[in-house]
Amino acid sequence: MKSDNQSKEQELKEWETNLRDREIKVRMRELESEIEAAAPAKVKREEASGVAGLPKFVQFTLIVVGVIITARLLSWLAGVLLLAAAGWVLYKLFFERDRN
């Protein structure tokens, strides 16, 4: 008897849970349809400003030019750093030893 009551209670809880889930899904569908009805059918996209509004060829050209400029700057910076490192090593080898 006790197990029968427990199984019936469990079935009722499952049924109530399923019913609640179905009610939530139905309400969500209703809300979605209300939102779709309230929103305009077609939203006009604003013209993009900046690089995104340019033709693809121009965008590609700008990217290539940017990469070239970046590579030139980085190579110049690497050269400066190499000269600085060589100068520091030469200073340590020849001039700092004389002080000691």
PDB file of N, CA and C in Angstrom:
ATOM      1  N   MET A   1       0.806  -1.197   0.000  1.00  0.00           N
ATOM      2  CA  MET A   1       0.000   0.000   0.000  1.00  0.00           C
ATOM      3  C   MET A   1       0.847   1.257   0.000  1.00  0.00           C
ATOM      4  N   LYS A   2       1.831   1.228   0.879  1.00  0.00           N
ATOM      5  CA  LYS A   2       2.684   2.411   1.002  1.00  0.00           C
ATOM      6  C   LYS A   2       3.457   2.666  -0.287  1.00  0.00           C
ATOM      7  N   SER A   3       3.973   1.602  -0.896  1.00  0.00           N
ATOM      8  CA  SER A   3       4.710   1.774  -2.144  1.00  0.00           C
ATOM      9  C   SER A   3       3.787   2.191  -3.275  1.00  0.00           C
ATOM     10  N   ASP A   4       2.520   1.732  -3.249  1.00  0.00           N
ATOM     11  CA  ASP A   4       1.546   2.161  -4.250  1.00  0.00           C
ATOM     12  C   ASP A   4       1.295   3.657  -4.150  1.00  0.00           C
ATOM     13  N   ASN A   5       1.144   4.141  -2.920  1.00  0.00           N
ATOM     14  CA  ASN A   5       0.922   5.571  -2.704  1.00  0.00           C
ATOM     15  C   ASN A   5       2.134   6.379  -3.154  1.00  0.00           C
ATOM     16  N   GLN A   6       3.312   5.872  -2.854  1.00  0.00           N
ATOM     17  CA  GLN A   6       4.536   6.588  -3.245  1.00  0.00           C
ATOM     18  C   GLN A   6       4.681   6.622  -4.755  1.00  0.00           C
ATOM     19  N   SER A   7       4.374   5.518  -5.418  1.00  0.00           N
ATOM     20  CA  SER A   7       4.491   5.500  -6.876  1.00  0.00           C
ATOM     21  C   SER A   7       3.458   6.426  -7.511  1.00  0.00           C
ATOM     22  N   LYS A   8       2.244   6.455  -6.948  1.00  0.00           N
ATOM     23  CA  LYS A   8       1.212   7.356  -7.465  1.00  0.00           C
ATOM     24  C   LYS A   8       1.617   8.819  -7.261  1.00  0.00           C
ATOM     25  N   GLU A   9       2.173   9.099  -6.089  1.00  0.00           N
ATOM     26  CA  GLU A   9       2.642  10.461  -5.818  1.00  0.00           C
ATOM     27  C   GLU A   9       3.761  10.847  -6.783  1.00  0.00           C
ATOM     28  N   GLN A  10       4.642   9.919  -7.025  1.00  0.00           N
ATOM     29  CA  GLN A  10       5.746  10.193  -7.952  1.00  0.00           C
ATOM     30  C   GLN A  10       5.209  10.414  -9.369  1.00  0.00           C
ATOM     31  N   GLU A  11       4.233   9.594  -9.787  1.00  0.00           N
ATOM     32  CA  GLU A  11       3.625   9.775 -11.111  1.00  0.00           C
ATOM     33  C   GLU A  11       2.942  11.133 -11.205  1.00  0.00           C
ATOM     34  N   LEU A  12       2.246  11.525 -10.131  1.00  0.00           N
ATOM     35  CA  LEU A  12       1.573  12.826 -10.123  1.00  0.00           C
ATOM     36  C   LEU A  12       2.581  13.972 -10.224  1.00  0.00           C
ATOM     37  N   LYS A  13       3.697  13.842  -9.506  1.00  0.00           N
ATOM     38  CA  LYS A  13       4.727  14.884  -9.564  1.00  0.00           C
ATOM     39  C   LYS A  13       5.314  14.979 -10.968  1.00  0.00           C
ATOM     40  N   GLU A  14       5.596  13.831 -11.576  1.00  0.00           N
ATOM     41  CA  GLU A  14       6.126  13.827 -12.944  1.00  0.00           C
ATOM     42  C   GLU A  14       5.123  14.442 -13.907  1.00  0.00           C
ATOM     43  N   TRP A  15       3.835  14.083 -13.726  1.00  0.00           N
ATOM     44  CA  TRP A  15       2.800  14.621 -14.602  1.00  0.00           C
ATOM     45  C   TRP A  15       2.693  16.140 -14.446  1.00  0.00           C
ATOM     46  N   GLU A  16       2.741  16.606 -13.212  1.00  0.00           N
ATOM     47  CA  GLU A  16       2.686  18.047 -12.956  1.00  0.00           C
ATOM     48  C   GLU A  16       3.902  18.752 -13.557  1.00  0.00           C
ATOM     49  N   THR A  17       5.066  18.157 -13.425  1.00  0.00           N
ATOM     50  CA  THR A  17       6.278  18.742 -13.998  1.00  0.00           C
ATOM     51  C   THR A  17       6.170  18.824 -15.514  1.00  0.00           C
ATOM     52  N   ASN A  18       5.705  17.749 -16.138  1.00  0.00           N
ATOM     53  CA  ASN A  18       5.526  17.753 -17.598  1.00  0.00           C
ATOM     54  C   ASN A  18       4.512  18.795 -18.018  1.00  0.00           C
ATOM     55  N   LEU A  19       3.428  18.895 -17.270  1.00  0.00           N
ATOM     56  CA  LEU A  19       2.390  19.879 -17.585  1.00  0.00           C
ATOM     57  C   LEU A  19       2.939  21.296 -17.467  1.00  0.00           C
ATOM     58  N   ARG A  20       3.710  21.562 -16.408  1.00  0.00           N
ATOM     59  CA  ARG A  20       4.321  22.881 -16.239  1.00  0.00           C
ATOM     60  C   ARG A  20       5.274  23.203 -17.387  1.00  0.00           C
ATOM     61  N   ASP A  21       6.084  22.210 -17.785  1.00  0.00           N
ATOM     62  CA  ASP A  21       7.011  22.411 -18.905  1.00  0.00           C
ATOM     63  C   ASP A  21       6.256  22.734 -20.184  1.00  0.00           C
ATOM     64  N   ARG A  22       5.177  22.003 -20.446  1.00  0.00           N
ATOM     65  CA  ARG A  22       4.388  22.279 -21.654  1.00  0.00           C
ATOM     66  C   ARG A  22       3.775  23.672 -21.608  1.00  0.00           C
ATOM     67  N   GLU A  23       3.274  24.076 -20.436  1.00  0.00           N
ATOM     68  CA  GLU A  23       2.694  25.416 -20.299  1.00  0.00           C
ATOM     69  C   GLU A  23       3.745  26.488 -20.556  1.00  0.00           C
ATOM     70  N   ILE A  24       4.946  26.267 -20.045  1.00  0.00           N
ATOM     71  CA  ILE A  24       6.032  27.233 -20.255  1.00  0.00           C
ATOM     72  C   ILE A  24       6.376  27.325 -21.739  1.00  0.00           C
ATOM     73  N   LYS A  25       6.455  26.177 -22.417  1.00  0.00           N
ATOM     74  CA  LYS A  25       6.780  26.174 -23.844  1.00  0.00           C
ATOM     75  C   LYS A  25       5.713  26.890 -24.653  1.00  0.00           C
ATOM     76  N   VAL A  26       4.425  26.635 -24.315  1.00  0.00           N
ATOM     77  CA  VAL A  26       3.332  27.303 -25.023  1.00  0.00           C
ATOM     78  C   VAL A  26       3.406  28.808 -24.806  1.00  0.00           C
ATOM     79  N   ARG A  27       3.660  29.227 -23.589  1.00  0.00           N
ATOM     80  CA  ARG A  27       3.749  30.664 -23.285  1.00  0.00           C
ATOM     81  C   ARG A  27       4.929  31.302 -24.022  1.00  0.00           C
ATOM     82  N   MET A  28       6.043  30.572 -24.096  1.00  0.00           N
ATOM     83  CA  MET A  28       7.201  31.092 -24.829  1.00  0.00           C
ATOM     84  C   MET A  28       6.865  31.273 -26.302  1.00  0.00           C
ATOM     85  N   ARG A  29       6.163  30.292 -26.897  1.00  0.00           N
ATOM     86  CA  ARG A  29       5.767  30.430 -28.305  1.00  0.00           C
ATOM     87  C   ARG A  29       4.856  31.632 -28.494  1.00  0.00           C
ATOM     88  N   GLU A  30       3.931  31.838 -27.550  1.00  0.00           N
ATOM     89  CA  GLU A  30       3.030  32.989 -27.647  1.00  0.00           C
ATOM     90  C   GLU A  30       3.821  34.293 -27.573  1.00  0.00           C
ATOM     91  N   LEU A  31       4.761  34.360 -26.650  1.00  0.00           N
ATOM     92  CA  LEU A  31       5.569  35.573 -26.520  1.00  0.00           C
ATOM     93  C   LEU A  31       6.411  35.810 -27.764  1.00  0.00           C
ATOM     94  N   GLU A  32       6.992  34.738 -28.326  1.00  0.00           N
ATOM     95  CA  GLU A  32       7.776  34.890 -29.547  1.00  0.00           C
ATOM     96  C   GLU A  32       6.923  35.403 -30.694  1.00  0.00           C
ATOM     97  N   SER A  33       5.707  34.882 -30.816  1.00  0.00           N
ATOM     98  CA  SER A  33       4.841  35.353 -31.897  1.00  0.00           C
ATOM     99  C   SER A  33       4.427  36.802 -31.686  1.00  0.00           C
ATOM    100  N   GLU A  34       4.221  37.201 -30.421  1.00  0.00           N
ATOM    101  CA  GLU A  34       3.903  38.606 -30.139  1.00  0.00           C
ATOM    102  C   GLU A  34       5.068  39.514 -30.508  1.00  0.00           C
ATOM    103  N   ILE A  35       6.287  39.073 -30.183  1.00  0.00           N
ATOM    104  CA  ILE A  35       7.472  39.876 -30.498  1.00  0.00           C
ATOM    105  C   ILE A  35       7.633  39.989 -32.005  1.00  0.00           C
ATOM    106  N   GLU A  36       7.462  38.881 -32.717  1.00  0.00           N
ATOM    107  CA  GLU A  36       7.591  38.919 -34.174  1.00  0.00           C
ATOM    108  C   GLU A  36       6.534  39.806 -34.799  1.00  0.00           C
ATOM    109  N   ALA A  37       5.322  39.801 -34.245  1.00  0.00           N
ATOM    110  CA  ALA A  37       4.254  40.639 -34.788  1.00  0.00           C
ATOM    111  C   ALA A  37       4.518  42.115 -34.511  1.00  0.00           C
ATOM    112  N   ALA A  38       5.110  42.415 -33.360  1.00  0.00           N
ATOM    113  CA  ALA A  38       5.364  43.805 -32.989  1.00  0.00           C
ATOM    114  C   ALA A  38       6.567  44.374 -33.721  1.00  0.00           C
ATOM    115  N   ALA A  39       7.558  43.549 -33.999  1.00  0.00           N
ATOM    116  CA  ALA A  39       8.770  44.030 -34.669  1.00  0.00           C
ATOM    117  C   ALA A  39       8.500  44.176 -36.165  1.00  0.00           C
ATOM    118  N   PRO A  40       9.116  45.181 -36.791  1.00  0.00           N
ATOM    119  CA  PRO A  40       8.940  45.312 -38.231  1.00  0.00           C
ATOM    120  C   PRO A  40       9.518  44.092 -38.961  1.00  0.00           C
ATOM    121  N   ALA A  41       8.919  43.770 -40.091  1.00  0.00           N
ATOM    122  CA  ALA A  41       9.310  42.579 -40.837  1.00  0.00           C
ATOM    123  C   ALA A  41      10.747  42.664 -41.316  1.00  0.00           C
ATOM    124  N   LYS A  42      11.137  43.808 -41.816  1.00  0.00           N
ATOM    125  CA  LYS A  42      12.499  43.976 -42.317  1.00  0.00           C
ATOM    126  C   LYS A  42      13.142  45.160 -41.616  1.00  0.00           C
ATOM    127  N   VAL A  43      14.253  44.919 -41.026  1.00  0.00           N
ATOM    128  CA  VAL A  43      14.999  45.991 -40.384  1.00  0.00           C
ATOM    129  C   VAL A  43      16.055  46.453 -41.369  1.00  0.00           C
ATOM    130  N   LYS A  44      16.026  47.718 -41.706  1.00  0.00           N
ATOM    131  CA  LYS A  44      17.000  48.238 -42.651  1.00  0.00           C
ATOM    132  C   LYS A  44      18.330  48.430 -41.940  1.00  0.00           C
ATOM    133  N   ARG A  45      19.355  47.823 -42.486  1.00  0.00           N
ATOM    134  CA  ARG A  45      20.677  47.918 -41.889  1.00  0.00           C
ATOM    135  C   ARG A  45      21.294  49.261 -42.228  1.00  0.00           C
ATOM    136  N   GLU A  46      21.797  49.906 -41.202  1.00  0.00           N
ATOM    137  CA  GLU A  46      22.442  51.192 -41.432  1.00  0.00           C
ATOM    138  C   GLU A  46      23.745  50.985 -42.181  1.00  0.00           C
ATOM    139  N   GLU A  47      24.116  51.993 -42.940  1.00  0.00           N
ATOM    140  CA  GLU A  47      25.384  51.921 -43.667  1.00  0.00           C
ATOM    141  C   GLU A  47      26.524  51.874 -42.661  1.00  0.00           C
ATOM    142  N   ALA A  48      27.401  50.954 -42.861  1.00  0.00           N
ATOM    143  CA  ALA A  48      28.539  50.812 -41.958  1.00  0.00           C
ATOM    144  C   ALA A  48      29.514  51.961 -42.190  1.00  0.00           C
ATOM    145  N   SER A  49      30.037  52.462 -41.100  1.00  0.00           N
ATOM    146  CA  SER A  49      31.001  53.539 -41.226  1.00  0.00           C
ATOM    147  C   SER A  49      32.395  52.968 -41.111  1.00  0.00           C
ATOM    148  N   GLY A  50      33.365  53.699 -41.599  1.00  0.00           N
ATOM    149  CA  GLY A  50      34.750  53.264 -41.497  1.00  0.00           C
ATOM    150  C   GLY A  50      35.112  52.287 -42.596  1.00  0.00           C
ATOM    151  N   VAL A  51      35.975  51.358 -42.265  1.00  0.00           N
ATOM    152  CA  VAL A  51      36.522  50.428 -43.246  1.00  0.00           C
ATOM    153  C   VAL A  51      35.459  49.454 -43.732  1.00  0.00           C
ATOM    154  N   ALA A  52      34.510  49.091 -42.888  1.00  0.00           N
ATOM    155  CA  ALA A  52      33.516  48.088 -43.264  1.00  0.00           C
ATOM    156  C   ALA A  52      32.633  48.564 -44.414  1.00  0.00           C
ATOM    157  N   GLY A  53      32.499  49.868 -44.611  1.00  0.00           N
ATOM    158  CA  GLY A  53      31.657  50.390 -45.669  1.00  0.00           C
ATOM    159  C   GLY A  53      32.356  50.469 -47.018  1.00  0.00           C
ATOM    160  N   LEU A  54      33.647  50.199 -47.043  1.00  0.00           N
ATOM    161  CA  LEU A  54      34.414  50.301 -48.287  1.00  0.00           C
ATOM    162  C   LEU A  54      34.301  49.012 -49.095  1.00  0.00           C
ATOM    163  N   PRO A  55      34.566  49.104 -50.400  1.00  0.00           N
ATOM    164  CA  PRO A  55      34.562  47.878 -51.217  1.00  0.00           C
ATOM    165  C   PRO A  55      35.641  46.902 -50.749  1.00  0.00           C
ATOM    166  N   LYS A  56      35.439  45.626 -51.078  1.00  0.00           N
ATOM    167  CA  LYS A  56      36.357  44.575 -50.616  1.00  0.00           C
ATOM    168  C   LYS A  56      37.784  44.792 -51.123  1.00  0.00           C
ATOM    169  N   PHE A  57      37.932  45.245 -52.363  1.00  0.00           N
ATOM    170  CA  PHE A  57      39.269  45.467 -52.908  1.00  0.00           C
ATOM    171  C   PHE A  57      40.008  46.538 -52.108  1.00  0.00           C
ATOM    172  N   VAL A  58      39.295  47.597 -51.741  1.00  0.00           N
ATOM    173  CA  VAL A  58      39.915  48.678 -50.968  1.00  0.00           C
ATOM    174  C   VAL A  58      40.274  48.177 -49.570  1.00  0.00           C
ATOM    175  N   GLN A  59      39.398  47.378 -48.976  1.00  0.00           N
ATOM    176  CA  GLN A  59      39.706  46.812 -47.662  1.00  0.00           C
ATOM    177  C   GLN A  59      40.964  45.951 -47.733  1.00  0.00           C
ATOM    178  N   PHE A  60      41.052  45.115 -48.752  1.00  0.00           N
ATOM    179  CA  PHE A  60      42.219  44.254 -48.929  1.00  0.00           C
ATOM    180  C   PHE A  60      43.483  45.080 -49.101  1.00  0.00           C
ATOM    181  N   THR A  61      43.396  46.144 -49.910  1.00  0.00           N
ATOM    182  CA  THR A  61      44.546  47.012 -50.145  1.00  0.00           C
ATOM    183  C   THR A  61      44.990  47.673 -48.843  1.00  0.00           C
ATOM    184  N   LEU A  62      44.044  48.142 -48.055  1.00  0.00           N
ATOM    185  CA  LEU A  62      44.385  48.771 -46.777  1.00  0.00           C
ATOM    186  C   LEU A  62      45.052  47.770 -45.826  1.00  0.00           C
ATOM    187  N   ILE A  63      44.579  46.551 -45.814  1.00  0.00           N
ATOM    188  CA  ILE A  63      45.193  45.533 -44.956  1.00  0.00           C
ATOM    189  C   ILE A  63      46.620  45.256 -45.402  1.00  0.00           C
ATOM    190  N   VAL A  64      46.835  45.132 -46.710  1.00  0.00           N
ATOM    191  CA  VAL A  64      48.183  44.868 -47.226  1.00  0.00           C
ATOM    192  C   VAL A  64      49.119  46.014 -46.881  1.00  0.00           C
ATOM    193  N   VAL A  65      48.667  47.240 -47.075  1.00  0.00           N
ATOM    194  CA  VAL A  65      49.494  48.411 -46.763  1.00  0.00           C
ATOM    195  C   VAL A  65      49.801  48.436 -45.264  1.00  0.00           C
ATOM    196  N   GLY A  66      48.812  48.138 -44.428  1.00  0.00           N
ATOM    197  CA  GLY A  66      49.033  48.104 -42.985  1.00  0.00           C
ATOM    198  C   GLY A  66      50.047  47.053 -42.580  1.00  0.00           C
ATOM    199  N   VAL A  67      49.981  45.884 -43.210  1.00  0.00           N
ATOM    200  CA  VAL A  67      50.938  44.821 -42.897  1.00  0.00           C
ATOM    201  C   VAL A  67      52.344  45.232 -43.314  1.00  0.00           C
ATOM    202  N   ILE A  68      52.469  45.856 -44.485  1.00  0.00           N
ATOM    203  CA  ILE A  68      53.788  46.289 -44.956  1.00  0.00           C
ATOM    204  C   ILE A  68      54.382  47.338 -44.021  1.00  0.00           C
ATOM    205  N   ILE A  69      53.566  48.307 -43.633  1.00  0.00           N
ATOM    206  CA  ILE A  69      54.052  49.356 -42.724  1.00  0.00           C
ATOM    207  C   ILE A  69      54.453  48.746 -41.378  1.00  0.00           C
ATOM    208  N   THR A  70      53.644  47.828 -40.877  1.00  0.00           N
ATOM    209  CA  THR A  70      53.960  47.174 -39.599  1.00  0.00           C
ATOM    210  C   THR A  70      55.264  46.393 -39.695  1.00  0.00           C
ATOM    211  N   ALA A  71      55.448  45.674 -40.797  1.00  0.00           N
ATOM    212  CA  ALA A  71      56.684  44.900 -40.968  1.00  0.00           C
ATOM    213  C   ALA A  71      57.898  45.818 -41.029  1.00  0.00           C
ATOM    214  N   ARG A  72      57.777  46.936 -41.729  1.00  0.00           N
ATOM    215  CA  ARG A  72      58.902  47.887 -41.810  1.00  0.00           C
ATOM    216  C   ARG A  72      59.236  48.453 -40.438  1.00  0.00           C
ATOM    217  N   LEU A  73      58.220  48.845 -39.692  1.00  0.00           N
ATOM    218  CA  LEU A  73      58.468  49.402 -38.354  1.00  0.00           C
ATOM    219  C   LEU A  73      59.095  48.372 -37.424  1.00  0.00           C
ATOM    220  N   LEU A  74      58.593  47.142 -37.476  1.00  0.00           N
ATOM    221  CA  LEU A  74      59.144  46.105 -36.608  1.00  0.00           C
ATOM    222  C   LEU A  74      60.579  45.759 -36.984  1.00  0.00           C
ATOM    223  N   SER A  75      60.888  45.751 -38.284  1.00  0.00           N
ATOM    224  CA  SER A  75      62.270  45.454 -38.672  1.00  0.00           C
ATOM    225  C   SER A  75      63.202  46.593 -38.250  1.00  0.00           C
ATOM    226  N   TRP A  76      62.741  47.827 -38.346  1.00  0.00           N
ATOM    227  CA  TRP A  76      63.545  48.969 -37.885  1.00  0.00           C
ATOM    228  C   TRP A  76      63.783  48.865 -36.377  1.00  0.00           C
ATOM    229  N   LEU A  77      62.734  48.525 -35.637  1.00  0.00           N
ATOM    230  CA  LEU A  77      62.869  48.388 -34.190  1.00  0.00           C
ATOM    231  C   LEU A  77      63.819  47.241 -33.840  1.00  0.00           C
ATOM    232  N   ALA A  78      63.744  46.149 -34.563  1.00  0.00           N
ATOM    233  CA  ALA A  78      64.648  45.028 -34.313  1.00  0.00           C
ATOM    234  C   ALA A  78      66.099  45.439 -34.583  1.00  0.00           C
ATOM    235  N   GLY A  79      66.332  46.219 -35.638  1.00  0.00           N
ATOM    236  CA  GLY A  79      67.683  46.700 -35.916  1.00  0.00           C
ATOM    237  C   GLY A  79      68.213  47.588 -34.815  1.00  0.00           C
ATOM    238  N   VAL A  80      67.375  48.475 -34.323  1.00  0.00           N
ATOM    239  CA  VAL A  80      67.781  49.362 -33.234  1.00  0.00           C
ATOM    240  C   VAL A  80      68.106  48.540 -31.990  1.00  0.00           C
ATOM    241  N   LEU A  81      67.273  47.552 -31.687  1.00  0.00           N
ATOM    242  CA  LEU A  81      67.532  46.723 -30.511  1.00  0.00           C
ATOM    243  C   LEU A  81      68.815  45.916 -30.668  1.00  0.00           C
ATOM    244  N   LEU A  82      69.100  45.407 -31.856  1.00  0.00           N
ATOM    245  CA  LEU A  82      70.341  44.670 -32.084  1.00  0.00           C
ATOM    246  C   LEU A  82      71.560  45.565 -31.901  1.00  0.00           C
ATOM    247  N   LEU A  83      71.490  46.798 -32.428  1.00  0.00           N
ATOM    248  CA  LEU A  83      72.604  47.727 -32.251  1.00  0.00           C
ATOM    249  C   LEU A  83      72.799  48.085 -30.779  1.00  0.00           C
ATOM    250  N   ALA A  84      71.700  48.273 -30.066  1.00  0.00           N
ATOM    251  CA  ALA A  84      71.796  48.598 -28.643  1.00  0.00           C
ATOM    252  C   ALA A  84      72.403  47.430 -27.876  1.00  0.00           C
ATOM    253  N   ALA A  85      71.984  46.211 -28.201  1.00  0.00           N
ATOM    254  CA  ALA A  85      72.530  45.038 -27.515  1.00  0.00           C
ATOM    255  C   ALA A  85      74.015  44.879 -27.818  1.00  0.00           C
ATOM    256  N   ALA A  86      74.415  45.094 -29.073  1.00  0.00           N
ATOM    257  CA  ALA A  86      75.828  44.984 -29.430  1.00  0.00           C
ATOM    258  C   ALA A  86      76.640  46.062 -28.725  1.00  0.00           C
ATOM    259  N   GLY A  87      76.109  47.263 -28.658  1.00  0.00           N
ATOM    260  CA  GLY A  87      76.791  48.348 -27.948  1.00  0.00           C
ATOM    261  C   GLY A  87      76.940  48.055 -26.475  1.00  0.00           C
ATOM    262  N   TRP A  88      75.936  47.491 -25.862  1.00  0.00           N
ATOM    263  CA  TRP A  88      75.998  47.164 -24.441  1.00  0.00           C
ATOM    264  C   TRP A  88      77.040  46.075 -24.181  1.00  0.00           C
ATOM    265  N   VAL A  89      77.066  45.060 -25.054  1.00  0.00           N
ATOM    266  CA  VAL A  89      78.047  43.989 -24.898  1.00  0.00           C
ATOM    267  C   VAL A  89      79.459  44.538 -25.062  1.00  0.00           C
ATOM    268  N   LEU A  90      79.676  45.380 -26.063  1.00  0.00           N
ATOM    269  CA  LEU A  90      81.001  45.972 -26.269  1.00  0.00           C
ATOM    270  C   LEU A  90      81.400  46.848 -25.085  1.00  0.00           C
ATOM    271  N   TYR A  91      80.486  47.591 -24.554  1.00  0.00           N
ATOM    272  CA  TYR A  91      80.775  48.416 -23.376  1.00  0.00           C
ATOM    273  C   TYR A  91      81.204  47.540 -22.209  1.00  0.00           C
ATOM    274  N   LYS A  92      80.449  46.456 -21.966  1.00  0.00           N
ATOM    275  CA  LYS A  92      80.769  45.562 -20.859  1.00  0.00           C
ATOM    276  C   LYS A  92      82.140  44.914 -21.059  1.00  0.00           C
ATOM    277  N   LEU A  93      82.455  44.541 -22.293  1.00  0.00           N
ATOM    278  CA  LEU A  93      83.720  43.852 -22.552  1.00  0.00           C
ATOM    279  C   LEU A  93      84.939  44.767 -22.422  1.00  0.00           C
ATOM    280  N   PHE A  94      84.847  45.965 -22.971  1.00  0.00           N
ATOM    281  CA  PHE A  94      86.041  46.787 -23.088  1.00  0.00           C
ATOM    282  C   PHE A  94      86.140  47.905 -22.038  1.00  0.00           C
ATOM    283  N   PHE A  95      85.070  48.567 -21.720  1.00  0.00           N
ATOM    284  CA  PHE A  95      85.168  49.746 -20.878  1.00  0.00           C
ATOM    285  C   PHE A  95      84.898  49.454 -19.409  1.00  0.00           C
ATOM    286  N   GLU A  96      83.977  48.571 -19.096  1.00  0.00           N
ATOM    287  CA  GLU A  96      83.687  48.334 -17.696  1.00  0.00           C
ATOM    288  C   GLU A  96      84.829  47.569 -17.031  1.00  0.00           C
ATOM    289  N   ARG A  97      85.531  46.755 -17.764  1.00  0.00           N
ATOM    290  CA  ARG A  97      86.648  46.000 -17.219  1.00  0.00           C
ATOM    291  C   ARG A  97      87.773  46.943 -16.771  1.00  0.00           C
ATOM    292  N   ASP A  98      87.915  48.052 -17.502  1.00  0.00           N
ATOM    293  CA  ASP A  98      88.975  49.015 -17.148  1.00  0.00           C
ATOM    294  C   ASP A  98      88.700  49.680 -15.798  1.00  0.00           C
ATOM    295  N   ARG A  99      87.485  49.825 -15.418  1.00  0.00           N
ATOM    296  CA  ARG A  99      87.147  50.483 -14.157  1.00  0.00           C
ATOM    297  C   ARG A  99      87.522  49.622 -12.960  1.00  0.00           C
ATOM    298  N   ASN A 100      87.463  48.341 -13.095  1.00  0.00           N
ATOM    299  CA  ASN A 100      87.765  47.432 -11.964  1.00  0.00           C
ATOM    300  C   ASN A 100      89.214  47.259 -11.886  1.00  0.00           C
TER     301      ASN A 100
END
